[in-house]
Amino acid sequence: MNANDFCYWLQGFAELGDKPPTAAQWKMIQEHLQLVFVKVTSPMPTVITGDPIWQTFPYTAATC
């Protein structure tokens, strides 16, 4: 479930419920919001050392 899906679910939950959420339900909703809205990305890949590929490529801009 992505952030938009969760927000739409939460809106429907709030609109259709006849009573406000309990304290335990609010706590769980807040925990889920933290999971949905915190974006975790993977670290950048390690840079490979050595000659850049454009230096070893047999063609140059002048020959193309």
PDB file of N, CA and C in Angstrom:
ATOM      1  N   MET A   1       0.855  -1.165   0.000  1.00  0.00           N
ATOM      2  CA  MET A   1       0.000   0.000   0.000  1.00  0.00           C
ATOM      3  C   MET A   1       0.903   1.231   0.000  1.00  0.00           C
ATOM      4  N   ASN A   2       0.642   2.132  -0.913  1.00  0.00           N
ATOM      5  CA  ASN A   2       1.440   3.354  -0.945  1.00  0.00           C
ATOM      6  C   ASN A   2       0.766   4.445  -0.097  1.00  0.00           C
ATOM      7  N   ALA A   3       1.397   5.617  -0.040  1.00  0.00           N
ATOM      8  CA  ALA A   3       0.897   6.701   0.806  1.00  0.00           C
ATOM      9  C   ALA A   3      -0.506   7.146   0.396  1.00  0.00           C
ATOM     10  N   ASN A   4      -0.748   7.266  -0.913  1.00  0.00           N
ATOM     11  CA  ASN A   4      -2.078   7.691  -1.373  1.00  0.00           C
ATOM     12  C   ASN A   4      -3.147   6.680  -1.005  1.00  0.00           C
ATOM     13  N   ASP A   5      -2.859   5.407  -1.215  1.00  0.00           N
ATOM     14  CA  ASP A   5      -3.823   4.359  -0.868  1.00  0.00           C
ATOM     15  C   ASP A   5      -4.179   4.413   0.612  1.00  0.00           C
ATOM     16  N   PHE A   6      -3.157   4.559   1.452  1.00  0.00           N
ATOM     17  CA  PHE A   6      -3.418   4.602   2.887  1.00  0.00           C
ATOM     18  C   PHE A   6      -4.262   5.813   3.260  1.00  0.00           C
ATOM     19  N   CYS A   7      -3.972   6.956   2.661  1.00  0.00           N
ATOM     20  CA  CYS A   7      -4.748   8.167   2.967  1.00  0.00           C
ATOM     21  C   CYS A   7      -6.211   8.015   2.542  1.00  0.00           C
ATOM     22  N   TYR A   8      -6.436   7.415   1.372  1.00  0.00           N
ATOM     23  CA  TYR A   8      -7.823   7.177   0.945  1.00  0.00           C
ATOM     24  C   TYR A   8      -8.518   6.196   1.883  1.00  0.00           C
ATOM     25  N   TRP A   9      -7.798   5.159   2.317  1.00  0.00           N
ATOM     26  CA  TRP A   9      -8.391   4.207   3.259  1.00  0.00           C
ATOM     27  C   TRP A   9      -8.735   4.925   4.561  1.00  0.00           C
ATOM     28  N   LEU A  10      -7.805   5.742   5.050  1.00  0.00           N
ATOM     29  CA  LEU A  10      -8.022   6.448   6.307  1.00  0.00           C
ATOM     30  C   LEU A  10      -9.196   7.408   6.214  1.00  0.00           C
ATOM     31  N   GLN A  11      -9.332   8.078   5.088  1.00  0.00           N
ATOM     32  CA  GLN A  11     -10.465   8.984   4.892  1.00  0.00           C
ATOM     33  C   GLN A  11     -11.773   8.201   4.934  1.00  0.00           C
ATOM     34  N   GLY A  12     -11.849   7.077   4.249  1.00  0.00           N
ATOM     35  CA  GLY A  12     -13.049   6.245   4.279  1.00  0.00           C
ATOM     36  C   GLY A  12     -13.334   5.707   5.670  1.00  0.00           C
ATOM     37  N   PHE A  13     -12.292   5.296   6.373  1.00  0.00           N
ATOM     38  CA  PHE A  13     -12.437   4.799   7.739  1.00  0.00           C
ATOM     39  C   PHE A  13     -13.042   5.878   8.635  1.00  0.00           C
ATOM     40  N   ALA A  14     -12.546   7.115   8.491  1.00  0.00           N
ATOM     41  CA  ALA A  14     -13.044   8.218   9.323  1.00  0.00           C
ATOM     42  C   ALA A  14     -14.475   8.596   8.954  1.00  0.00           C
ATOM     43  N   GLU A  15     -14.787   8.585   7.646  1.00  0.00           N
ATOM     44  CA  GLU A  15     -16.129   8.985   7.215  1.00  0.00           C
ATOM     45  C   GLU A  15     -17.193   7.943   7.544  1.00  0.00           C
ATOM     46  N   LEU A  16     -16.832   6.679   7.467  1.00  0.00           N
ATOM     47  CA  LEU A  16     -17.829   5.629   7.667  1.00  0.00           C
ATOM     48  C   LEU A  16     -17.990   5.202   9.121  1.00  0.00           C
ATOM     49  N   GLY A  17     -17.027   5.534   9.945  1.00  0.00           N
ATOM     50  CA  GLY A  17     -17.117   5.137  11.345  1.00  0.00           C
ATOM     51  C   GLY A  17     -18.165   5.958  12.076  1.00  0.00           C
ATOM     52  N   ASP A  18     -18.932   5.301  12.932  1.00  0.00           N
ATOM     53  CA  ASP A  18     -19.950   6.032  13.685  1.00  0.00           C
ATOM     54  C   ASP A  18     -19.381   6.647  14.966  1.00  0.00           C
ATOM     55  N   LYS A  19     -18.180   6.204  15.370  1.00  0.00           N
ATOM     56  CA  LYS A  19     -17.510   6.756  16.550  1.00  0.00           C
ATOM     57  C   LYS A  19     -16.084   7.126  16.170  1.00  0.00           C
ATOM     58  N   PRO A  20     -15.495   8.080  16.883  1.00  0.00           N
ATOM     59  CA  PRO A  20     -14.095   8.390  16.603  1.00  0.00           C
ATOM     60  C   PRO A  20     -13.202   7.204  16.980  1.00  0.00           C
ATOM     61  N   PRO A  21     -12.039   7.110  16.370  1.00  0.00           N
ATOM     62  CA  PRO A  21     -11.136   6.007  16.715  1.00  0.00           C
ATOM     63  C   PRO A  21     -10.725   6.064  18.188  1.00  0.00           C
ATOM     64  N   THR A  22     -10.486   4.910  18.736  1.00  0.00           N
ATOM     65  CA  THR A  22     -10.027   4.831  20.130  1.00  0.00           C
ATOM     66  C   THR A  22      -8.577   5.298  20.199  1.00  0.00           C
ATOM     67  N   ALA A  23      -8.085   5.464  21.408  1.00  0.00           N
ATOM     68  CA  ALA A  23      -6.689   5.881  21.600  1.00  0.00           C
ATOM     69  C   ALA A  23      -5.737   4.844  20.988  1.00  0.00           C
ATOM     70  N   ALA A  24      -6.054   3.571  21.148  1.00  0.00           N
ATOM     71  CA  ALA A  24      -5.208   2.515  20.581  1.00  0.00           C
ATOM     72  C   ALA A  24      -5.229   2.557  19.051  1.00  0.00           C
ATOM     73  N   GLN A  25      -6.404   2.814  18.477  1.00  0.00           N
ATOM     74  CA  GLN A  25      -6.510   2.907  17.023  1.00  0.00           C
ATOM     75  C   GLN A  25      -5.739   4.118  16.493  1.00  0.00           C
ATOM     76  N   TRP A  26      -5.818   5.255  17.186  1.00  0.00           N
ATOM     77  CA  TRP A  26      -5.068   6.442  16.768  1.00  0.00           C
ATOM     78  C   TRP A  26      -3.574   6.183  16.807  1.00  0.00           C
ATOM     79  N   LYS A  27      -3.131   5.475  17.843  1.00  0.00           N
ATOM     80  CA  LYS A  27      -1.703   5.153  17.954  1.00  0.00           C
ATOM     81  C   LYS A  27      -1.273   4.298  16.766  1.00  0.00           C
ATOM     82  N   MET A  28      -2.084   3.304  16.427  1.00  0.00           N
ATOM     83  CA  MET A  28      -1.762   2.430  15.300  1.00  0.00           C
ATOM     84  C   MET A  28      -1.789   3.215  13.984  1.00  0.00           C
ATOM     85  N   ILE A  29      -2.748   4.105  13.829  1.00  0.00           N
ATOM     86  CA  ILE A  29      -2.826   4.931  12.616  1.00  0.00           C
ATOM     87  C   ILE A  29      -1.568   5.792  12.492  1.00  0.00           C
ATOM     88  N   GLN A  30      -1.141   6.392  13.591  1.00  0.00           N
ATOM     89  CA  GLN A  30       0.068   7.217  13.565  1.00  0.00           C
ATOM     90  C   GLN A  30       1.298   6.391  13.203  1.00  0.00           C
ATOM     91  N   GLU A  31       1.390   5.174  13.719  1.00  0.00           N
ATOM     92  CA  GLU A  31       2.524   4.298  13.396  1.00  0.00           C
ATOM     93  C   GLU A  31       2.524   3.948  11.908  1.00  0.00           C
ATOM     94  N   HIS A  32       1.362   3.680  11.362  1.00  0.00           N
ATOM     95  CA  HIS A  32       1.262   3.356   9.942  1.00  0.00           C
ATOM     96  C   HIS A  32       1.595   4.572   9.076  1.00  0.00           C
ATOM     97  N   LEU A  33       1.162   5.751   9.512  1.00  0.00           N
ATOM     98  CA  LEU A  33       1.502   6.960   8.766  1.00  0.00           C
ATOM     99  C   LEU A  33       3.011   7.166   8.719  1.00  0.00           C
ATOM    100  N   GLN A  34       3.691   6.880   9.815  1.00  0.00           N
ATOM    101  CA  GLN A  34       5.150   6.996   9.829  1.00  0.00           C
ATOM    102  C   GLN A  34       5.774   6.023   8.823  1.00  0.00           C
ATOM    103  N   LEU A  35       5.245   4.816   8.740  1.00  0.00           N
ATOM    104  CA  LEU A  35       5.775   3.829   7.787  1.00  0.00           C
ATOM    105  C   LEU A  35       5.514   4.250   6.350  1.00  0.00           C
ATOM    106  N   VAL A  36       4.346   4.816   6.102  1.00  0.00           N
ATOM    107  CA  VAL A  36       3.957   5.159   4.738  1.00  0.00           C
ATOM    108  C   VAL A  36       4.698   6.390   4.238  1.00  0.00           C
ATOM    109  N   PHE A  37       4.896   7.383   5.096  1.00  0.00           N
ATOM    110  CA  PHE A  37       5.456   8.644   4.634  1.00  0.00           C
ATOM    111  C   PHE A  37       6.970   8.767   4.792  1.00  0.00           C
ATOM    112  N   VAL A  38       7.606   7.819   5.445  1.00  0.00           N
ATOM    113  CA  VAL A  38       9.062   7.856   5.558  1.00  0.00           C
ATOM    114  C   VAL A  38       9.621   7.083   4.375  1.00  0.00           C
ATOM    115  N   LYS A  39      10.319   7.795   3.488  1.00  0.00           N
ATOM    116  CA  LYS A  39      10.865   7.164   2.300  1.00  0.00           C
ATOM    117  C   LYS A  39      12.296   6.731   2.584  1.00  0.00           C
ATOM    118  N   VAL A  40      12.556   5.459   2.382  1.00  0.00           N
ATOM    119  CA  VAL A  40      13.889   4.922   2.594  1.00  0.00           C
ATOM    120  C   VAL A  40      14.452   4.551   1.236  1.00  0.00           C
ATOM    121  N   THR A  41      15.603   5.098   0.930  1.00  0.00           N
ATOM    122  CA  THR A  41      16.251   4.785  -0.337  1.00  0.00           C
ATOM    123  C   THR A  41      17.536   4.025  -0.062  1.00  0.00           C
ATOM    124  N   SER A  42      17.947   3.255  -1.029  1.00  0.00           N
ATOM    125  CA  SER A  42      19.175   2.503  -0.864  1.00  0.00           C
ATOM    126  C   SER A  42      20.371   3.430  -1.028  1.00  0.00           C
ATOM    127  N   PRO A  43      21.496   3.061  -0.446  1.00  0.00           N
ATOM    128  CA  PRO A  43      22.678   3.922  -0.583  1.00  0.00           C
ATOM    129  C   PRO A  43      23.166   3.965  -2.021  1.00  0.00           C
ATOM    130  N   MET A  44      23.921   5.003  -2.324  1.00  0.00           N
ATOM    131  CA  MET A  44      24.490   5.152  -3.664  1.00  0.00           C
ATOM    132  C   MET A  44      25.472   4.013  -3.923  1.00  0.00           C
ATOM    133  N   PRO A  45      25.551   3.532  -5.165  1.00  0.00           N
ATOM    134  CA  PRO A  45      26.501   2.465  -5.465  1.00  0.00           C
ATOM    135  C   PRO A  45      27.945   2.971  -5.349  1.00  0.00           C
ATOM    136  N   THR A  46      28.824   2.044  -5.109  1.00  0.00           N
ATOM    137  CA  THR A  46      30.236   2.377  -5.000  1.00  0.00           C
ATOM    138  C   THR A  46      30.768   2.779  -6.370  1.00  0.00           C
ATOM    139  N   VAL A  47      31.564   3.819  -6.389  1.00  0.00           N
ATOM    140  CA  VAL A  47      32.151   4.288  -7.642  1.00  0.00           C
ATOM    141  C   VAL A  47      33.297   3.369  -8.022  1.00  0.00           C
ATOM    142  N   ILE A  48      33.301   2.937  -9.269  1.00  0.00           N
ATOM    143  CA  ILE A  48      34.375   2.083  -9.758  1.00  0.00           C
ATOM    144  C   ILE A  48      35.522   2.979 -10.196  1.00  0.00           C
ATOM    145  N   THR A  49      36.699   2.685  -9.700  1.00  0.00           N
ATOM    146  CA  THR A  49      37.851   3.506 -10.064  1.00  0.00           C
ATOM    147  C   THR A  49      38.434   3.027 -11.383  1.00  0.00           C
ATOM    148  N   GLY A  50      39.213   3.875 -12.009  1.00  0.00           N
ATOM    149  CA  GLY A  50      39.826   3.537 -13.281  1.00  0.00           C
ATOM    150  C   GLY A  50      39.436   4.539 -14.332  1.00  0.00           C
ATOM    151  N   ASP A  51      39.810   4.265 -15.556  1.00  0.00           N
ATOM    152  CA  ASP A  51      39.522   5.174 -16.653  1.00  0.00           C
ATOM    153  C   ASP A  51      38.031   5.209 -16.938  1.00  0.00           C
ATOM    154  N   PRO A  52      37.481   6.407 -17.125  1.00  0.00           N
ATOM    155  CA  PRO A  52      36.078   6.484 -17.548  1.00  0.00           C
ATOM    156  C   PRO A  52      35.912   5.822 -18.912  1.00  0.00           C
ATOM    157  N   ILE A  53      34.746   5.277 -19.156  1.00  0.00           N
ATOM    158  CA  ILE A  53      34.517   4.537 -20.394  1.00  0.00           C
ATOM    159  C   ILE A  53      34.708   5.416 -21.628  1.00  0.00           C
ATOM    160  N   TRP A  54      34.425   6.712 -21.519  1.00  0.00           N
ATOM    161  CA  TRP A  54      34.562   7.564 -22.705  1.00  0.00           C
ATOM    162  C   TRP A  54      36.021   7.713 -23.125  1.00  0.00           C
ATOM    163  N   GLN A  55      36.945   7.495 -22.182  1.00  0.00           N
ATOM    164  CA  GLN A  55      38.358   7.584 -22.552  1.00  0.00           C
ATOM    165  C   GLN A  55      38.834   6.319 -23.261  1.00  0.00           C
ATOM    166  N   THR A  56      38.171   5.205 -23.025  1.00  0.00           N
ATOM    167  CA  THR A  56      38.600   3.953 -23.640  1.00  0.00           C
ATOM    168  C   THR A  56      37.775   3.608 -24.867  1.00  0.00           C
ATOM    169  N   PHE A  57      36.733   4.386 -25.146  1.00  0.00           N
ATOM    170  CA  PHE A  57      35.884   4.131 -26.301  1.00  0.00           C
ATOM    171  C   PHE A  57      36.680   4.477 -27.572  1.00  0.00           C
ATOM    172  N   PRO A  58      36.641   3.611 -28.603  1.00  0.00           N
ATOM    173  CA  PRO A  58      37.504   3.823 -29.767  1.00  0.00           C
ATOM    174  C   PRO A  58      37.137   5.040 -30.614  1.00  0.00           C
ATOM    175  N   TYR A  59      35.958   5.589 -30.483  1.00  0.00           N
ATOM    176  CA  TYR A  59      35.549   6.710 -31.319  1.00  0.00           C
ATOM    177  C   TYR A  59      35.572   7.990 -30.508  1.00  0.00           C
ATOM    178  N   THR A  60      35.870   9.061 -31.142  1.00  0.00           N
ATOM    179  CA  THR A  60      35.820  10.383 -30.513  1.00  0.00           C
ATOM    180  C   THR A  60      34.772  11.216 -31.219  1.00  0.00           C
ATOM    181  N   ALA A  61      34.471  12.358 -30.679  1.00  0.00           N
ATOM    182  CA  ALA A  61      33.469  13.230 -31.292  1.00  0.00           C
ATOM    183  C   ALA A  61      33.918  13.665 -32.673  1.00  0.00           C
ATOM    184  N   ALA A  62      35.207  13.796 -32.883  1.00  0.00           N
ATOM    185  CA  ALA A  62      35.729  14.244 -34.184  1.00  0.00           C
ATOM    186  C   ALA A  62      35.554  13.189 -35.265  1.00  0.00           C
ATOM    187  N   THR A  63      35.516  11.896 -34.905  1.00  0.00           N
ATOM    188  CA  THR A  63      35.410  10.834 -35.914  1.00  0.00           C
ATOM    189  C   THR A  63      33.987  10.390 -36.146  1.00  0.00           C
ATOM    190  N   CYS A  64      33.051  10.851 -35.354  1.00  0.00           N
ATOM    191  CA  CYS A  64      31.658  10.413 -35.508  1.00  0.00           C
ATOM    192  C   CYS A  64      30.937  11.182 -36.577  1.00  0.00           C
TER     193      CYS A  64
END
